Protein backbone atom coordinates (compact mmCIF):
# COMPACT_ATOMS: atom_id res chain seq x y z
CA UNK A 1 0.02 -0.01 0.03
CA UNK A 2 0.90 3.65 -0.31
CA UNK A 3 -0.12 6.67 1.88
CA UNK A 4 0.44 9.84 0.35
CA UNK A 5 0.24 12.61 3.09
CA UNK A 6 -0.30 16.00 1.34
CA UNK A 7 -0.74 19.44 2.85
CA UNK A 8 -3.89 21.52 1.87
CA UNK A 9 -5.12 24.83 2.75
CA UNK A 10 -8.80 23.91 3.06
CA UNK A 11 -9.61 20.45 4.11
CA UNK A 12 -13.16 20.62 3.26
CA UNK A 13 -12.23 21.93 -0.25
CA UNK A 14 -9.87 18.85 -0.65
CA UNK A 15 -12.54 16.51 0.56
CA UNK A 16 -15.12 17.76 -1.62
CA UNK A 17 -12.62 17.78 -4.69
CA UNK A 18 -11.37 14.47 -4.33
CA UNK A 19 -14.99 13.19 -3.64
CA UNK A 20 -16.02 14.77 -6.97
CA UNK A 21 -13.36 12.68 -8.96
CA UNK A 22 -15.24 9.59 -7.29
CA UNK A 23 -13.04 8.78 -4.45
CA UNK A 24 -14.48 7.97 -0.96
CA UNK A 25 -13.60 9.28 2.38
CA UNK A 26 -12.58 6.84 5.20
CA UNK A 27 -14.19 8.82 8.10
CA UNK A 28 -12.36 6.58 10.59
CA UNK A 29 -9.08 8.36 10.03
CA UNK A 30 -10.43 11.86 9.10
CA UNK A 31 -11.64 15.02 11.26
CA UNK A 32 -11.36 18.71 10.78
CA UNK A 33 -7.88 18.93 10.25
CA UNK A 34 -7.42 15.87 8.12
CA UNK A 35 -9.37 13.87 5.30
CA UNK A 36 -8.79 10.15 4.31
CA UNK A 37 -9.24 9.57 0.60
CA UNK A 38 -9.34 5.97 -0.55
CA UNK A 39 -8.15 6.16 -4.17
CA UNK A 40 -8.05 2.30 -4.26
CA UNK A 41 -7.22 -0.65 -1.92
CA UNK A 42 -3.76 0.22 -2.33
CA UNK A 43 -3.41 3.89 -2.41
CA UNK A 44 -4.76 6.47 0.03
CA UNK A 45 -4.22 10.19 0.47
CA UNK A 46 -4.30 11.78 3.79
CA UNK A 47 -5.21 15.44 3.24
CA UNK A 48 -3.81 17.20 6.06
CA UNK A 49 -4.25 20.84 6.95
CA UNK A 50 -1.03 22.81 6.65
CA UNK A 51 -0.65 23.23 10.08
CA UNK A 52 -1.26 19.49 11.14
CA UNK A 53 1.00 18.54 8.06
CA UNK A 54 3.75 20.88 9.92
CA UNK A 55 3.48 18.91 12.74
CA UNK A 56 4.93 15.80 11.26
CA UNK A 57 8.14 17.54 10.04
CA UNK A 58 11.36 18.18 12.12
CA UNK A 59 11.85 21.58 13.73
CA UNK A 60 13.17 24.17 11.20
CA UNK A 61 11.64 22.44 8.35
CA UNK A 62 9.07 24.48 6.09
CA UNK A 63 6.07 22.94 4.46
CA UNK A 64 6.37 23.58 0.35
CA UNK A 65 3.78 25.25 -1.66
CA UNK A 66 2.95 23.14 -4.66
CA UNK A 67 1.35 26.21 -6.22
CA UNK A 68 5.11 27.77 -6.66
CA UNK A 69 7.07 24.57 -6.78
CA UNK A 70 6.51 21.26 -8.07
CA UNK A 71 8.29 18.48 -5.83
CA UNK A 72 6.35 15.40 -7.17
CA UNK A 73 4.07 14.47 -9.99
CA UNK A 74 1.52 11.81 -8.79
CA UNK A 75 0.06 9.31 -11.58
CA UNK A 76 -2.76 7.07 -11.73
CA UNK A 77 -3.44 4.75 -14.57
CA UNK A 78 -6.79 4.50 -16.43
CA UNK A 79 -8.44 1.79 -18.56
CA UNK A 80 -8.96 3.84 -21.81
CA UNK A 81 -8.10 7.19 -23.25
CA UNK A 82 -11.67 8.35 -22.81
CA UNK A 83 -11.34 7.89 -19.16
CA UNK A 84 -7.90 9.78 -18.96
CA UNK A 85 -10.02 12.66 -20.42
CA UNK A 86 -13.04 12.27 -18.29
CA UNK A 87 -10.69 12.31 -15.21
CA UNK A 88 -8.94 15.38 -16.14
CA UNK A 89 -12.25 17.05 -16.97
CA UNK A 90 -14.02 16.06 -13.83
CA UNK A 91 -10.70 17.25 -11.97
CA UNK A 92 -10.88 20.54 -13.72
CA UNK A 93 -14.55 21.05 -13.26
CA UNK A 94 -14.44 20.20 -9.63
CA UNK A 95 -12.04 23.26 -8.96
CA UNK A 96 -8.79 21.81 -10.07
CA UNK A 97 -6.35 23.30 -12.65
CA UNK A 98 -4.94 22.53 -16.12
CA UNK A 99 -1.42 21.62 -15.99
CA UNK A 100 0.18 20.16 -19.10
CA UNK A 101 -1.89 19.51 -22.23
CA UNK A 102 -2.77 15.70 -23.18
CA UNK A 103 0.12 13.83 -25.08
CA UNK A 104 -0.21 11.21 -27.50
CA UNK A 105 2.49 8.55 -27.98
CA UNK A 106 0.29 5.99 -29.60
CA UNK A 107 0.85 3.25 -27.13
CA UNK A 108 0.80 5.68 -24.18
CA UNK A 109 -1.81 8.73 -23.67
CA UNK A 110 -1.77 10.92 -20.79
CA UNK A 111 -2.85 14.14 -19.44
CA UNK A 112 -2.79 16.11 -16.23
CA UNK A 113 -4.43 18.52 -13.67
CA UNK A 114 -3.60 20.06 -10.36
CA UNK A 115 -6.01 19.50 -7.36
CA UNK A 116 -7.27 22.93 -5.64
CA UNK A 117 -3.67 23.16 -3.69
CA UNK A 118 -1.47 22.76 -6.84
CA UNK A 119 -0.71 19.20 -6.32
CA UNK A 120 -0.12 17.81 -9.94
CA UNK A 121 -1.98 14.67 -11.06
CA UNK A 122 -1.00 12.96 -14.13
CA UNK A 123 -3.47 10.45 -15.58
CA UNK A 124 -2.32 7.92 -18.32
CA UNK A 125 -3.61 4.89 -20.43
CA UNK A 126 -0.99 2.56 -21.63
CA UNK A 127 -1.80 0.04 -24.42
CA UNK A 128 -1.45 -3.45 -22.91
CA UNK A 129 -0.57 -4.93 -26.20
CA UNK A 130 2.25 -2.52 -26.61
CA UNK A 131 4.20 -4.24 -23.59
CA UNK A 132 4.02 -7.79 -25.10
């Protein structure tokens, strides 16, 4: 399993954004300062208020602002090109931003968006026959 801890400015807005993408919230691990987003059985996002996130950092360490600097690109796979486009459209419609235009490499198709805090999400489809 992978657990991504993401600092957010507004936990309620983050919760609404990821719910609009079709992900569920695990209320057992959520409160006013955090939301546990279930992307899949193997992937969970923990949206943490910037203050709560800072509590997990060593003293003197600052929390990065993904709106001004990109430290990571998170990628999710989809089952089709259409699903890639639909996911990005949902993200932008739910308050996310555009990031890079779609890229079509024949065997690989991807697009990307940001969440309301600027975390970059790439969405991709790869032709399963291309790896044979």
